[in-house]
Amino acid sequence: MLYFFGWQTYHVLVESAVSYLLMMWTPRDQCHKYVTAFVFTYLSLQHLNSVLYHFGTYDLVITTNTMLLTTRLQSLACCYADGAKNKTDLSERQ
């Protein structure tokens, strides 16, 4: 990843670290809401930056990797929040 994206790799580290800190510091049954809001805001700001400053060029940017990371972190937070519930309170899908 460092070879292809260079200094942009810090986006992966920042998004992951903040998401894990949110899962640690917010209530476990509510952490998925905070993490979801953060990761989608972070990704949206990356896309906005890409449109404003790299529109019409072919630059290899980290947003492709962070789109996948966003879905992974969101699902991790949802699974972590579901793990705090009693089995009787979970739906069939959970």
PDB file of N, CA and C in Angstrom:
ATOM      1  N   MET A   1       0.819  -1.174   0.000  1.00  0.00           N
ATOM      2  CA  MET A   1       0.000   0.000   0.000  1.00  0.00           C
ATOM      3  C   MET A   1       0.876   1.256   0.000  1.00  0.00           C
ATOM      4  N   LEU A   2       1.950   1.211   0.735  1.00  0.00           N
ATOM      5  CA  LEU A   2       2.860   2.357   0.745  1.00  0.00           C
ATOM      6  C   LEU A   2       3.462   2.606  -0.630  1.00  0.00           C
ATOM      7  N   TYR A   3       3.712   1.563  -1.372  1.00  0.00           N
ATOM      8  CA  TYR A   3       4.294   1.711  -2.702  1.00  0.00           C
ATOM      9  C   TYR A   3       3.342   2.443  -3.643  1.00  0.00           C
ATOM     10  N   PHE A   4       2.066   2.077  -3.617  1.00  0.00           N
ATOM     11  CA  PHE A   4       1.100   2.674  -4.536  1.00  0.00           C
ATOM     12  C   PHE A   4       0.612   4.048  -4.092  1.00  0.00           C
ATOM     13  N   PHE A   5       0.365   4.213  -2.794  1.00  0.00           N
ATOM     14  CA  PHE A   5      -0.300   5.420  -2.327  1.00  0.00           C
ATOM     15  C   PHE A   5       0.592   6.372  -1.551  1.00  0.00           C
ATOM     16  N   GLY A   6       1.742   5.905  -1.097  1.00  0.00           N
ATOM     17  CA  GLY A   6       2.683   6.780  -0.407  1.00  0.00           C
ATOM     18  C   GLY A   6       2.103   7.383   0.859  1.00  0.00           C
ATOM     19  N   TRP A   7       2.175   8.706   0.956  1.00  0.00           N
ATOM     20  CA  TRP A   7       1.745   9.398   2.170  1.00  0.00           C
ATOM     21  C   TRP A   7       0.244   9.306   2.407  1.00  0.00           C
ATOM     22  N   GLN A   8      -0.532   8.962   1.397  1.00  0.00           N
ATOM     23  CA  GLN A   8      -1.980   8.849   1.574  1.00  0.00           C
ATOM     24  C   GLN A   8      -2.377   7.655   2.441  1.00  0.00           C
ATOM     25  N   THR A   9      -1.439   6.792   2.717  1.00  0.00           N
ATOM     26  CA  THR A   9      -1.716   5.616   3.546  1.00  0.00           C
ATOM     27  C   THR A   9      -2.144   6.013   4.955  1.00  0.00           C
ATOM     28  N   TYR A  10      -1.777   7.226   5.386  1.00  0.00           N
ATOM     29  CA  TYR A  10      -2.179   7.650   6.722  1.00  0.00           C
ATOM     30  C   TYR A  10      -3.708   7.710   6.857  1.00  0.00           C
ATOM     31  N   HIS A  11      -4.432   7.858   5.766  1.00  0.00           N
ATOM     32  CA  HIS A  11      -5.898   7.867   5.844  1.00  0.00           C
ATOM     33  C   HIS A  11      -6.427   6.549   6.411  1.00  0.00           C
ATOM     34  N   VAL A  12      -5.821   5.461   6.014  1.00  0.00           N
ATOM     35  CA  VAL A  12      -6.225   4.152   6.530  1.00  0.00           C
ATOM     36  C   VAL A  12      -5.946   4.069   8.020  1.00  0.00           C
ATOM     37  N   LEU A  13      -4.801   4.552   8.429  1.00  0.00           N
ATOM     38  CA  LEU A  13      -4.436   4.506   9.845  1.00  0.00           C
ATOM     39  C   LEU A  13      -5.327   5.405  10.690  1.00  0.00           C
ATOM     40  N   VAL A  14      -5.603   6.606  10.204  1.00  0.00           N
ATOM     41  CA  VAL A  14      -6.437   7.547  10.959  1.00  0.00           C
ATOM     42  C   VAL A  14      -7.861   7.029  11.076  1.00  0.00           C
ATOM     43  N   GLU A  15      -8.432   6.573   9.970  1.00  0.00           N
ATOM     44  CA  GLU A  15      -9.813   6.093  10.002  1.00  0.00           C
ATOM     45  C   GLU A  15      -9.956   4.876  10.922  1.00  0.00           C
ATOM     46  N   SER A  16      -9.009   3.979  10.860  1.00  0.00           N
ATOM     47  CA  SER A  16      -9.067   2.790  11.724  1.00  0.00           C
ATOM     48  C   SER A  16      -8.884   3.157  13.189  1.00  0.00           C
ATOM     49  N   ALA A  17      -7.901   3.997  13.479  1.00  0.00           N
ATOM     50  CA  ALA A  17      -7.612   4.354  14.872  1.00  0.00           C
ATOM     51  C   ALA A  17      -8.781   5.098  15.506  1.00  0.00           C
ATOM     52  N   VAL A  18      -9.349   6.053  14.807  1.00  0.00           N
ATOM     53  CA  VAL A  18     -10.476   6.806  15.368  1.00  0.00           C
ATOM     54  C   VAL A  18     -11.694   5.895  15.558  1.00  0.00           C
ATOM     55  N   SER A  19     -11.923   4.998  14.632  1.00  0.00           N
ATOM     56  CA  SER A  19     -13.055   4.074  14.773  1.00  0.00           C
ATOM     57  C   SER A  19     -12.880   3.168  15.983  1.00  0.00           C
ATOM     58  N   TYR A  20     -11.688   2.646  16.177  1.00  0.00           N
ATOM     59  CA  TYR A  20     -11.445   1.794  17.340  1.00  0.00           C
ATOM     60  C   TYR A  20     -11.562   2.589  18.636  1.00  0.00           C
ATOM     61  N   LEU A  21     -11.093   3.829  18.638  1.00  0.00           N
ATOM     62  CA  LEU A  21     -11.233   4.658  19.833  1.00  0.00           C
ATOM     63  C   LEU A  21     -12.700   4.970  20.116  1.00  0.00           C
ATOM     64  N   LEU A  22     -13.479   5.219  19.077  1.00  0.00           N
ATOM     65  CA  LEU A  22     -14.910   5.438  19.275  1.00  0.00           C
ATOM     66  C   LEU A  22     -15.577   4.200  19.864  1.00  0.00           C
ATOM     67  N   MET A  23     -15.162   3.025  19.415  1.00  0.00           N
ATOM     68  CA  MET A  23     -15.750   1.796  19.960  1.00  0.00           C
ATOM     69  C   MET A  23     -15.356   1.605  21.422  1.00  0.00           C
ATOM     70  N   MET A  24     -14.181   2.081  21.797  1.00  0.00           N
ATOM     71  CA  MET A  24     -13.738   1.941  23.182  1.00  0.00           C
ATOM     72  C   MET A  24     -14.407   2.962  24.097  1.00  0.00           C
ATOM     73  N   TRP A  25     -14.591   4.191  23.627  1.00  0.00           N
ATOM     74  CA  TRP A  25     -15.022   5.282  24.506  1.00  0.00           C
ATOM     75  C   TRP A  25     -16.515   5.545  24.512  1.00  0.00           C
ATOM     76  N   THR A  26     -17.240   5.093  23.522  1.00  0.00           N
ATOM     77  CA  THR A  26     -18.686   5.319  23.514  1.00  0.00           C
ATOM     78  C   THR A  26     -19.387   4.096  24.091  1.00  0.00           C
ATOM     79  N   PRO A  27     -20.627   4.258  24.531  1.00  0.00           N
ATOM     80  CA  PRO A  27     -21.359   3.096  25.058  1.00  0.00           C
ATOM     81  C   PRO A  27     -21.464   2.000  23.990  1.00  0.00           C
ATOM     82  N   ARG A  28     -21.285   0.773  24.424  1.00  0.00           N
ATOM     83  CA  ARG A  28     -21.213  -0.336  23.479  1.00  0.00           C
ATOM     84  C   ARG A  28     -22.488  -0.507  22.663  1.00  0.00           C
ATOM     85  N   ASP A  29     -23.622  -0.228  23.257  1.00  0.00           N
ATOM     86  CA  ASP A  29     -24.866  -0.392  22.512  1.00  0.00           C
ATOM     87  C   ASP A  29     -25.131   0.759  21.543  1.00  0.00           C
ATOM     88  N   GLN A  30     -24.354   1.844  21.621  1.00  0.00           N
ATOM     89  CA  GLN A  30     -24.526   2.992  20.740  1.00  0.00           C
ATOM     90  C   GLN A  30     -23.329   3.240  19.824  1.00  0.00           C
ATOM     91  N   CYS A  31     -22.260   2.490  19.991  1.00  0.00           N
ATOM     92  CA  CYS A  31     -21.016   2.785  19.265  1.00  0.00           C
ATOM     93  C   CYS A  31     -21.165   2.653  17.755  1.00  0.00           C
ATOM     94  N   HIS A  32     -22.034   1.775  17.291  1.00  0.00           N
ATOM     95  CA  HIS A  32     -22.189   1.605  15.842  1.00  0.00           C
ATOM     96  C   HIS A  32     -22.717   2.865  15.177  1.00  0.00           C
ATOM     97  N   LYS A  33     -23.513   3.640  15.883  1.00  0.00           N
ATOM     98  CA  LYS A  33     -24.025   4.895  15.317  1.00  0.00           C
ATOM     99  C   LYS A  33     -22.911   5.920  15.165  1.00  0.00           C
ATOM    100  N   TYR A  34     -22.064   6.027  16.172  1.00  0.00           N
ATOM    101  CA  TYR A  34     -20.962   6.984  16.125  1.00  0.00           C
ATOM    102  C   TYR A  34     -19.923   6.598  15.075  1.00  0.00           C
ATOM    103  N   VAL A  35     -19.614   5.329  15.021  1.00  0.00           N
ATOM    104  CA  VAL A  35     -18.625   4.860  14.042  1.00  0.00           C
ATOM    105  C   VAL A  35     -19.155   5.036  12.620  1.00  0.00           C
ATOM    106  N   THR A  36     -20.410   4.695  12.400  1.00  0.00           N
ATOM    107  CA  THR A  36     -21.003   4.862  11.076  1.00  0.00           C
ATOM    108  C   THR A  36     -20.984   6.327  10.644  1.00  0.00           C
ATOM    109  N   ALA A  37     -21.354   7.214  11.539  1.00  0.00           N
ATOM    110  CA  ALA A  37     -21.335   8.647  11.216  1.00  0.00           C
ATOM    111  C   ALA A  37     -19.919   9.114  10.904  1.00  0.00           C
ATOM    112  N   PHE A  38     -18.957   8.668  11.687  1.00  0.00           N
ATOM    113  CA  PHE A  38     -17.579   9.091  11.456  1.00  0.00           C
ATOM    114  C   PHE A  38     -17.028   8.563  10.143  1.00  0.00           C
ATOM    115  N   VAL A  39     -17.158   7.260   9.873  1.00  0.00           N
ATOM    116  CA  VAL A  39     -16.527   6.698   8.682  1.00  0.00           C
ATOM    117  C   VAL A  39     -17.149   7.233   7.403  1.00  0.00           C
ATOM    118  N   PHE A  40     -18.469   7.440   7.394  1.00  0.00           N
ATOM    119  CA  PHE A  40     -19.083   7.984   6.184  1.00  0.00           C
ATOM    120  C   PHE A  40     -18.752   9.463   5.992  1.00  0.00           C
ATOM    121  N   THR A  41     -18.631  10.202   7.081  1.00  0.00           N
ATOM    122  CA  THR A  41     -18.196  11.598   6.970  1.00  0.00           C
ATOM    123  C   THR A  41     -16.766  11.673   6.470  1.00  0.00           C
ATOM    124  N   TYR A  42     -15.906  10.831   6.995  1.00  0.00           N
ATOM    125  CA  TYR A  42     -14.505  10.817   6.583  1.00  0.00           C
ATOM    126  C   TYR A  42     -14.381  10.457   5.095  1.00  0.00           C
ATOM    127  N   LEU A  43     -15.120   9.448   4.670  1.00  0.00           N
ATOM    128  CA  LEU A  43     -15.088   9.044   3.274  1.00  0.00           C
ATOM    129  C   LEU A  43     -15.670  10.124   2.368  1.00  0.00           C
ATOM    130  N   SER A  44     -16.738  10.766   2.812  1.00  0.00           N
ATOM    131  CA  SER A  44     -17.334  11.836   2.015  1.00  0.00           C
ATOM    132  C   SER A  44     -16.370  13.007   1.849  1.00  0.00           C
ATOM    133  N   LEU A  45     -15.656  13.342   2.899  1.00  0.00           N
ATOM    134  CA  LEU A  45     -14.669  14.420   2.800  1.00  0.00           C
ATOM    135  C   LEU A  45     -13.526  14.042   1.862  1.00  0.00           C
ATOM    136  N   GLN A  46     -13.140  12.783   1.866  1.00  0.00           N
ATOM    137  CA  GLN A  46     -12.108  12.336   0.929  1.00  0.00           C
ATOM    138  C   GLN A  46     -12.592  12.455  -0.509  1.00  0.00           C
ATOM    139  N   HIS A  47     -13.820  12.048  -0.767  1.00  0.00           N
ATOM    140  CA  HIS A  47     -14.363  12.150  -2.124  1.00  0.00           C
ATOM    141  C   HIS A  47     -14.519  13.608  -2.549  1.00  0.00           C
ATOM    142  N   LEU A  48     -14.947  14.447  -1.640  1.00  0.00           N
ATOM    143  CA  LEU A  48     -15.069  15.864  -1.943  1.00  0.00           C
ATOM    144  C   LEU A  48     -13.707  16.466  -2.281  1.00  0.00           C
ATOM    145  N   ASN A  49     -12.706  16.111  -1.526  1.00  0.00           N
ATOM    146  CA  ASN A  49     -11.342  16.572  -1.800  1.00  0.00           C
ATOM    147  C   ASN A  49     -10.874  16.075  -3.167  1.00  0.00           C
ATOM    148  N   SER A  50     -11.188  14.852  -3.476  1.00  0.00           N
ATOM    149  CA  SER A  50     -10.794  14.283  -4.770  1.00  0.00           C
ATOM    150  C   SER A  50     -11.473  15.007  -5.928  1.00  0.00           C
ATOM    151  N   VAL A  51     -12.742  15.340  -5.760  1.00  0.00           N
ATOM    152  CA  VAL A  51     -13.465  16.045  -6.820  1.00  0.00           C
ATOM    153  C   VAL A  51     -12.950  17.473  -6.976  1.00  0.00           C
ATOM    154  N   LEU A  52     -12.687  18.136  -5.873  1.00  0.00           N
ATOM    155  CA  LEU A  52     -12.261  19.533  -5.937  1.00  0.00           C
ATOM    156  C   LEU A  52     -10.844  19.707  -6.471  1.00  0.00           C
ATOM    157  N   TYR A  53      -9.949  18.814  -6.114  1.00  0.00           N
ATOM    158  CA  TYR A  53      -8.541  19.024  -6.435  1.00  0.00           C
ATOM    159  C   TYR A  53      -7.958  18.066  -7.472  1.00  0.00           C
ATOM    160  N   HIS A  54      -8.673  16.991  -7.804  1.00  0.00           N
ATOM    161  CA  HIS A  54      -8.142  16.023  -8.761  1.00  0.00           C
ATOM    162  C   HIS A  54      -9.149  15.686  -9.852  1.00  0.00           C
ATOM    163  N   PHE A  55     -10.110  16.558 -10.102  1.00  0.00           N
ATOM    164  CA  PHE A  55     -11.156  16.279 -11.085  1.00  0.00           C
ATOM    165  C   PHE A  55     -10.575  16.272 -12.494  1.00  0.00           C
ATOM    166  N   GLY A  56     -10.895  15.239 -13.246  1.00  0.00           N
ATOM    167  CA  GLY A  56     -10.445  15.155 -14.631  1.00  0.00           C
ATOM    168  C   GLY A  56      -9.043  14.606 -14.812  1.00  0.00           C
ATOM    169  N   THR A  57      -8.378  14.282 -13.743  1.00  0.00           N
ATOM    170  CA  THR A  57      -7.033  13.714 -13.844  1.00  0.00           C
ATOM    171  C   THR A  57      -7.101  12.241 -13.468  1.00  0.00           C
ATOM    172  N   TYR A  58      -6.088  11.542 -13.857  1.00  0.00           N
ATOM    173  CA  TYR A  58      -6.004  10.136 -13.473  1.00  0.00           C
ATOM    174  C   TYR A  58      -4.943  10.008 -12.395  1.00  0.00           C
ATOM    175  N   ASP A  59      -5.357  10.231 -11.192  1.00  0.00           N
ATOM    176  CA  ASP A  59      -4.483  10.075 -10.043  1.00  0.00           C
ATOM    177  C   ASP A  59      -4.932   8.856  -9.255  1.00  0.00           C
ATOM    178  N   LEU A  60      -3.983   8.095  -8.801  1.00  0.00           N
ATOM    179  CA  LEU A  60      -4.292   6.947  -7.966  1.00  0.00           C
ATOM    180  C   LEU A  60      -4.447   7.441  -6.535  1.00  0.00           C
ATOM    181  N   VAL A  61      -5.684   7.477  -6.061  1.00  0.00           N
ATOM    182  CA  VAL A  61      -5.958   7.982  -4.720  1.00  0.00           C
ATOM    183  C   VAL A  61      -6.422   6.848  -3.819  1.00  0.00           C
ATOM    184  N   ILE A  62      -6.360   7.088  -2.543  1.00  0.00           N
ATOM    185  CA  ILE A  62      -6.615   6.061  -1.540  1.00  0.00           C
ATOM    186  C   ILE A  62      -8.100   5.811  -1.310  1.00  0.00           C
ATOM    187  N   THR A  63      -8.983   6.567  -1.960  1.00  0.00           N
ATOM    188  CA  THR A  63     -10.417   6.446  -1.668  1.00  0.00           C
ATOM    189  C   THR A  63     -10.982   5.066  -1.983  1.00  0.00           C
ATOM    190  N   THR A  64     -10.411   4.380  -2.931  1.00  0.00           N
ATOM    191  CA  THR A  64     -10.888   3.017  -3.229  1.00  0.00           C
ATOM    192  C   THR A  64     -10.668   2.103  -2.030  1.00  0.00           C
ATOM    193  N   ASN A  65      -9.500   2.192  -1.431  1.00  0.00           N
ATOM    194  CA  ASN A  65      -9.228   1.363  -0.262  1.00  0.00           C
ATOM    195  C   ASN A  65     -10.057   1.795   0.936  1.00  0.00           C
ATOM    196  N   THR A  66     -10.259   3.095   1.099  1.00  0.00           N
ATOM    197  CA  THR A  66     -11.022   3.540   2.257  1.00  0.00           C
ATOM    198  C   THR A  66     -12.520   3.257   2.102  1.00  0.00           C
ATOM    199  N   MET A  67     -13.010   3.106   0.877  1.00  0.00           N
ATOM    200  CA  MET A  67     -14.405   2.682   0.712  1.00  0.00           C
ATOM    201  C   MET A  67     -14.595   1.281   1.275  1.00  0.00           C
ATOM    202  N   LEU A  68     -13.665   0.398   0.994  1.00  0.00           N
ATOM    203  CA  LEU A  68     -13.745  -0.955   1.542  1.00  0.00           C
ATOM    204  C   LEU A  68     -13.546  -0.946   3.053  1.00  0.00           C
ATOM    205  N   LEU A  69     -12.608  -0.130   3.507  1.00  0.00           N
ATOM    206  CA  LEU A  69     -12.353  -0.033   4.945  1.00  0.00           C
ATOM    207  C   LEU A  69     -13.572   0.523   5.678  1.00  0.00           C
ATOM    208  N   THR A  70     -14.272   1.445   5.058  1.00  0.00           N
ATOM    209  CA  THR A  70     -15.473   2.024   5.662  1.00  0.00           C
ATOM    210  C   THR A  70     -16.520   0.950   5.925  1.00  0.00           C
ATOM    211  N   THR A  71     -16.763   0.091   4.955  1.00  0.00           N
ATOM    212  CA  THR A  71     -17.752  -0.970   5.157  1.00  0.00           C
ATOM    213  C   THR A  71     -17.292  -1.971   6.208  1.00  0.00           C
ATOM    214  N   ARG A  72     -16.016  -2.245   6.243  1.00  0.00           N
ATOM    215  CA  ARG A  72     -15.502  -3.195   7.237  1.00  0.00           C
ATOM    216  C   ARG A  72     -15.610  -2.630   8.650  1.00  0.00           C
ATOM    217  N   LEU A  73     -15.247  -1.361   8.821  1.00  0.00           N
ATOM    218  CA  LEU A  73     -15.316  -0.758  10.151  1.00  0.00           C
ATOM    219  C   LEU A  73     -16.754  -0.600  10.621  1.00  0.00           C
ATOM    220  N   GLN A  74     -17.646  -0.275   9.699  1.00  0.00           N
ATOM    221  CA  GLN A  74     -19.048  -0.153  10.068  1.00  0.00           C
ATOM    222  C   GLN A  74     -19.607  -1.505  10.497  1.00  0.00           C
ATOM    223  N   SER A  75     -19.299  -2.550   9.764  1.00  0.00           N
ATOM    224  CA  SER A  75     -19.812  -3.873  10.137  1.00  0.00           C
ATOM    225  C   SER A  75     -19.173  -4.369  11.433  1.00  0.00           C
ATOM    226  N   LEU A  76     -17.913  -4.031  11.656  1.00  0.00           N
ATOM    227  CA  LEU A  76     -17.268  -4.404  12.914  1.00  0.00           C
ATOM    228  C   LEU A  76     -17.964  -3.732  14.086  1.00  0.00           C
ATOM    229  N   ALA A  77     -18.289  -2.456  13.951  1.00  0.00           N
ATOM    230  CA  ALA A  77     -18.972  -1.733  15.027  1.00  0.00           C
ATOM    231  C   ALA A  77     -20.368  -2.300  15.267  1.00  0.00           C
ATOM    232  N   CYS A  78     -21.074  -2.670  14.207  1.00  0.00           N
ATOM    233  CA  CYS A  78     -22.408  -3.263  14.369  1.00  0.00           C
ATOM    234  C   CYS A  78     -22.324  -4.622  15.056  1.00  0.00           C
ATOM    235  N   CYS A  79     -21.363  -5.417  14.691  1.00  0.00           N
ATOM    236  CA  CYS A  79     -21.189  -6.728  15.338  1.00  0.00           C
ATOM    237  C   CYS A  79     -20.786  -6.570  16.802  1.00  0.00           C
ATOM    238  N   TYR A  80     -19.952  -5.575  17.072  1.00  0.00           N
ATOM    239  CA  TYR A  80     -19.528  -5.303  18.446  1.00  0.00           C
ATOM    240  C   TYR A  80     -20.718  -4.861  19.294  1.00  0.00           C
ATOM    241  N   ALA A  81     -21.582  -4.020  18.722  1.00  0.00           N
ATOM    242  CA  ALA A  81     -22.774  -3.576  19.455  1.00  0.00           C
ATOM    243  C   ALA A  81     -23.755  -4.727  19.652  1.00  0.00           C
ATOM    244  N   ASP A  82     -23.912  -5.578  18.654  1.00  0.00           N
ATOM    245  CA  ASP A  82     -24.815  -6.723  18.788  1.00  0.00           C
ATOM    246  C   ASP A  82     -24.301  -7.725  19.813  1.00  0.00           C
ATOM    247  N   GLY A  83     -22.995  -7.786  19.987  1.00  0.00           N
ATOM    248  CA  GLY A  83     -22.414  -8.710  20.956  1.00  0.00           C
ATOM    249  C   GLY A  83     -22.739  -8.355  22.393  1.00  0.00           C
ATOM    250  N   ALA A  84     -23.169  -7.123  22.642  1.00  0.00           N
ATOM    251  CA  ALA A  84     -23.508  -6.697  23.994  1.00  0.00           C
ATOM    252  C   ALA A  84     -24.933  -7.047  24.367  1.00  0.00           C
ATOM    253  N   LYS A  85     -25.749  -7.422  23.395  1.00  0.00           N
ATOM    254  CA  LYS A  85     -27.158  -7.701  23.654  1.00  0.00           C
ATOM    255  C   LYS A  85     -27.355  -9.144  24.108  1.00  0.00           C
ATOM    256  N   ASN A  86     -28.461  -9.377  24.794  1.00  0.00           N
ATOM    257  CA  ASN A  86     -28.837 -10.740  25.153  1.00  0.00           C
ATOM    258  C   ASN A  86     -29.310 -11.468  23.903  1.00  0.00           C
ATOM    259  N   LYS A  87     -29.145 -12.764  23.891  1.00  0.00           N
ATOM    260  CA  LYS A  87     -29.571 -13.533  22.738  1.00  0.00           C
ATOM    261  C   LYS A  87     -31.072 -13.454  22.506  1.00  0.00           C
ATOM    262  N   THR A  88     -31.812 -13.248  23.551  1.00  0.00           N
ATOM    263  CA  THR A  88     -33.269 -13.166  23.399  1.00  0.00           C
ATOM    264  C   THR A  88     -33.692 -11.837  22.760  1.00  0.00           C
ATOM    265  N   ASP A  89     -32.867 -10.806  22.881  1.00  0.00           N
ATOM    266  CA  ASP A  89     -33.193  -9.497  22.307  1.00  0.00           C
ATOM    267  C   ASP A  89     -32.781  -9.365  20.852  1.00  0.00           C
ATOM    268  N   LEU A  90     -32.021 -10.308  20.345  1.00  0.00           N
ATOM    269  CA  LEU A  90     -31.536 -10.223  18.965  1.00  0.00           C
ATOM    270  C   LEU A  90     -32.580 -10.722  17.992  1.00  0.00           C
ATOM    271  N   SER A  91     -32.589 -10.118  16.823  1.00  0.00           N
ATOM    272  CA  SER A  91     -33.473 -10.617  15.777  1.00  0.00           C
ATOM    273  C   SER A  91     -32.820 -11.830  15.119  1.00  0.00           C
ATOM    274  N   GLU A  92     -33.545 -12.466  14.240  1.00  0.00           N
ATOM    275  CA  GLU A  92     -33.013 -13.641  13.542  1.00  0.00           C
ATOM    276  C   GLU A  92     -31.772 -13.272  12.730  1.00  0.00           C
ATOM    277  N   ARG A  93     -31.800 -12.116  12.119  1.00  0.00           N
ATOM    278  CA  ARG A  93     -30.679 -11.673  11.274  1.00  0.00           C
ATOM    279  C   ARG A  93     -29.452 -11.345  12.115  1.00  0.00           C
ATOM    280  N   GLN A  94     -29.647 -10.788  13.301  1.00  0.00           N
ATOM    281  CA  GLN A  94     -28.522 -10.443  14.145  1.00  0.00           C
ATOM    282  C   GLN A  94     -27.880 -11.679  14.730  1.00  0.00           C
TER     283      GLN A  94
END
